[in-house]
Amino acid sequence: MGNREALLVGAKACLRQKGYDRTSVRDIASAAGVSTAAVGYHYGSREALLNQALFEILDEWGDAMGRALVPDADGSARAHFERVWESLIEEFGAHPDLWLASVELFMQAQRQPELRPALAGGISQGRRGMAAILDGVPEDKVPEPSVRTLGTVQLALVSGVMLQCLSDPGSAPTAAEVLEGIRALAKIAS
């Protein structure tokens, strides 16, 4: 592995352990086993490296989630949806620093407009990924209306529940509570 790849691996480890704001160039270089100058040489800045690392982590997580949550051939859509929410909430509790780093990325994009196109692309990919998981189809087979409706709403719900889990883990909603809330919303919207 070259220095560029080692830095990316080191940045991912630091994001998981320390989060975005608490990770320094020295932390990344130490985790990668390279000099601090390598960060600037290969990525230009700490932020550019951390942003790329975070986008890759979230993409890897989305791929793993999609593989793990394939609906059973004989399973119901409702049972699949329940498993999706149970897995999501478990992930928020198991890796809070990763999810906090994703929130920090949104904040960074407010200060760094050059991040907005990549963030918008990530959101678009997230919508498509959520719709694919729920529809039980590959991402390239999700119809655009499903991305814009099902994917958008699921991503919005996921983001809101994630913030609640990060803000107050002790009283964060359970999957059962989220599902009951969705059912109540569906009754209102019907």
Protein backbone atom coordinates (compact mmCIF):
# COMPACT_ATOMS: atom_id res chain seq x y z
CA MET A 1 0.00 0.00 0.00
CA GLY A 2 1.33 3.42 -0.94
CA ASN A 3 1.27 6.53 1.23
CA ARG A 4 -1.92 7.86 -0.42
CA GLU A 5 -3.84 4.67 0.33
CA ALA A 6 -2.34 4.40 3.82
CA LEU A 7 -3.51 7.94 4.58
CA LEU A 8 -7.04 7.09 3.51
CA VAL A 9 -7.07 3.99 5.71
CA GLY A 10 -5.63 6.02 8.60
CA ALA A 11 -8.19 8.79 8.12
CA LYS A 12 -11.03 6.26 8.20
CA ALA A 13 -9.69 4.79 11.45
CA CYS A 14 -9.39 8.25 12.99
CA LEU A 15 -12.93 9.21 11.93
CA ARG A 16 -14.27 6.10 13.64
CA GLN A 17 -12.24 6.67 16.80
CA LYS A 18 -12.17 10.45 17.20
CA GLY A 19 -14.68 11.98 14.83
CA TYR A 20 -14.13 14.72 12.28
CA ASP A 21 -13.32 17.77 14.38
CA ARG A 22 -11.07 15.99 16.87
CA THR A 23 -8.89 14.33 14.21
CA SER A 24 -5.62 16.15 13.51
CA VAL A 25 -3.13 15.80 10.67
CA ARG A 26 -0.75 14.25 13.18
CA ASP A 27 -3.38 11.65 14.17
CA ILE A 28 -3.92 10.64 10.56
CA ALA A 29 -0.21 10.53 9.73
CA SER A 30 0.49 8.46 12.84
CA ALA A 31 -2.30 6.00 12.01
CA ALA A 32 -0.98 5.73 8.45
CA GLY A 33 2.68 5.44 9.46
CA VAL A 34 3.73 8.37 7.26
CA SER A 35 4.93 11.94 7.77
CA THR A 36 2.48 14.77 8.32
CA ALA A 37 3.70 16.39 5.08
CA ALA A 38 2.22 13.45 3.15
CA VAL A 39 -1.30 14.67 3.94
CA GLY A 40 -0.75 17.96 2.13
CA TYR A 41 1.18 16.33 -0.68
CA HIS A 42 -1.43 13.68 -1.46
CA TYR A 43 -4.70 15.39 -0.47
CA GLY A 44 -4.00 19.10 -0.16
CA SER A 45 -5.54 19.41 3.30
CA ARG A 46 -6.77 17.52 6.32
CA GLU A 47 -10.35 18.41 5.39
CA ALA A 48 -10.04 17.07 1.84
CA LEU A 49 -8.66 13.78 3.15
CA LEU A 50 -11.26 13.46 5.91
CA ASN A 51 -14.08 14.30 3.50
CA GLN A 52 -12.98 11.62 1.05
CA ALA A 53 -12.55 9.11 3.89
CA LEU A 54 -16.00 9.88 5.29
CA PHE A 55 -17.70 9.60 1.90
CA GLU A 56 -16.00 6.23 1.40
CA ILE A 57 -17.01 4.99 4.87
CA LEU A 58 -20.64 5.96 4.27
CA ASP A 59 -20.57 4.35 0.84
CA GLU A 60 -19.09 1.15 2.28
CA TRP A 61 -21.72 1.18 5.03
CA GLY A 62 -24.51 1.63 2.47
CA ASP A 63 -23.19 -1.27 0.39
CA ALA A 64 -22.92 -3.51 3.46
CA MET A 65 -26.40 -2.51 4.61
CA GLY A 66 -27.82 -3.30 1.18
CA ARG A 67 -26.23 -6.75 1.20
CA ALA A 68 -27.30 -7.49 4.76
CA LEU A 69 -30.90 -6.42 4.30
CA VAL A 70 -31.87 -8.40 1.24
CA PRO A 71 -35.50 -9.45 1.71
CA ASP A 72 -36.18 -13.14 2.19
CA ALA A 73 -37.81 -14.79 -0.81
CA ASP A 74 -40.72 -15.85 1.41
CA GLY A 75 -40.54 -12.91 3.85
CA SER A 76 -43.03 -10.12 4.02
CA ALA A 77 -42.28 -6.51 3.14
CA ARG A 78 -43.34 -5.54 6.67
CA ALA A 79 -40.85 -7.94 8.31
CA HIS A 80 -38.13 -6.64 5.98
CA PHE A 81 -38.94 -3.03 6.89
CA GLU A 82 -38.81 -3.89 10.59
CA ARG A 83 -35.37 -5.51 10.11
CA VAL A 84 -34.17 -2.41 8.27
CA TRP A 85 -35.12 -0.16 11.18
CA GLU A 86 -33.72 -2.51 13.81
CA SER A 87 -30.41 -2.61 11.92
CA LEU A 88 -30.29 1.16 11.45
CA ILE A 89 -30.87 1.93 15.11
CA GLU A 90 -28.35 -0.72 16.13
CA GLU A 91 -25.78 0.91 13.83
CA PHE A 92 -26.40 4.37 15.32
CA GLY A 93 -25.73 2.99 18.80
CA ALA A 94 -22.76 0.87 17.79
CA HIS A 95 -20.89 3.58 15.83
CA PRO A 96 -21.95 7.01 17.14
CA ASP A 97 -18.65 8.66 16.15
CA LEU A 98 -19.14 7.64 12.52
CA TRP A 99 -22.64 9.11 12.45
CA LEU A 100 -21.51 12.22 14.27
CA ALA A 101 -18.81 12.61 11.62
CA SER A 102 -21.49 12.48 8.94
CA VAL A 103 -23.36 15.29 10.71
CA GLU A 104 -20.10 17.22 10.97
CA LEU A 105 -19.69 16.85 7.21
CA PHE A 106 -23.00 18.66 6.69
CA MET A 107 -21.72 21.46 8.91
CA GLN A 108 -18.42 21.61 7.02
CA ALA A 109 -20.31 21.94 3.73
CA GLN A 110 -21.92 25.13 5.06
CA ARG A 111 -18.44 26.63 5.46
CA GLN A 112 -16.87 24.99 2.41
CA PRO A 113 -19.14 25.43 -0.63
CA GLU A 114 -16.85 23.19 -2.70
CA LEU A 115 -18.13 20.26 -0.61
CA ARG A 116 -21.76 20.80 -1.57
CA PRO A 117 -21.67 19.00 -4.93
CA ALA A 118 -20.12 15.90 -3.33
CA LEU A 119 -22.60 16.09 -0.46
CA ALA A 120 -25.52 16.45 -2.89
CA GLY A 121 -24.21 13.44 -4.78
CA GLY A 122 -24.01 11.47 -1.53
CA ILE A 123 -27.58 12.40 -0.64
CA SER A 124 -28.77 11.37 -4.08
CA GLN A 125 -26.94 8.06 -3.72
CA GLY A 126 -28.43 7.64 -0.24
CA ARG A 127 -31.97 8.12 -1.57
CA ARG A 128 -31.36 5.56 -4.29
CA GLY A 129 -29.76 3.14 -1.82
CA MET A 130 -32.63 3.42 0.65
CA ALA A 131 -35.20 2.85 -2.09
CA ALA A 132 -33.20 -0.14 -3.37
CA ILE A 133 -33.04 -1.70 0.11
CA LEU A 134 -36.77 -1.23 0.68
CA ASP A 135 -37.81 -2.29 -2.82
CA GLY A 136 -35.44 -5.27 -2.67
CA VAL A 137 -33.85 -4.48 -6.03
CA PRO A 138 -30.36 -3.49 -7.19
CA GLU A 139 -29.72 0.27 -7.12
CA ASP A 140 -29.55 0.48 -10.90
CA LYS A 141 -33.05 -1.02 -11.14
CA VAL A 142 -34.82 1.43 -8.82
CA PRO A 143 -37.34 3.52 -10.77
CA GLU A 144 -36.75 7.27 -10.45
CA PRO A 145 -40.19 7.93 -8.88
CA SER A 146 -39.29 5.47 -6.09
CA VAL A 147 -35.98 7.27 -5.52
CA ARG A 148 -37.77 10.63 -5.30
CA THR A 149 -40.54 9.42 -2.99
CA LEU A 150 -39.67 6.30 -1.01
CA GLY A 151 -35.93 6.98 -0.95
CA THR A 152 -36.34 10.64 -0.01
CA VAL A 153 -38.77 9.98 2.84
CA GLN A 154 -36.80 7.02 4.21
CA LEU A 155 -33.55 9.03 4.14
CA ALA A 156 -35.28 11.92 5.92
CA LEU A 157 -36.62 9.57 8.58
CA VAL A 158 -33.24 7.89 9.00
CA SER A 159 -31.47 11.24 9.37
CA GLY A 160 -33.95 12.46 11.98
CA VAL A 161 -33.84 9.25 14.01
CA MET A 162 -30.04 9.26 13.80
CA LEU A 163 -29.93 12.78 15.26
CA GLN A 164 -32.21 11.71 18.09
CA CYS A 165 -30.04 8.66 18.81
CA LEU A 166 -26.89 10.81 18.86
CA SER A 167 -28.44 13.61 20.93
CA ASP A 168 -30.01 11.52 23.66
CA PRO A 169 -29.06 7.83 23.46
CA GLY A 170 -30.87 7.06 26.70
CA SER A 171 -34.27 8.01 25.33
CA ALA A 172 -33.67 7.36 21.64
CA PRO A 173 -36.59 5.76 19.85
CA THR A 174 -36.65 2.03 19.35
CA ALA A 175 -37.35 0.42 16.00
CA ALA A 176 -40.81 -0.56 17.25
CA GLU A 177 -41.58 3.07 18.19
CA VAL A 178 -40.36 4.35 14.83
CA LEU A 179 -42.51 1.81 13.02
CA GLU A 180 -45.57 2.68 15.11
CA GLY A 181 -44.96 6.37 14.33
CA ILE A 182 -44.73 5.62 10.61
CA ARG A 183 -48.01 3.72 10.79
CA ALA A 184 -49.64 6.67 12.57
CA LEU A 185 -48.32 9.06 9.91
CA ALA A 186 -49.65 6.79 7.16
CA LYS A 187 -53.12 6.93 8.73
CA ILE A 188 -52.98 10.73 8.81
CA ALA A 189 -51.72 10.94 5.22
CA SER A 190 -54.34 8.50 3.91
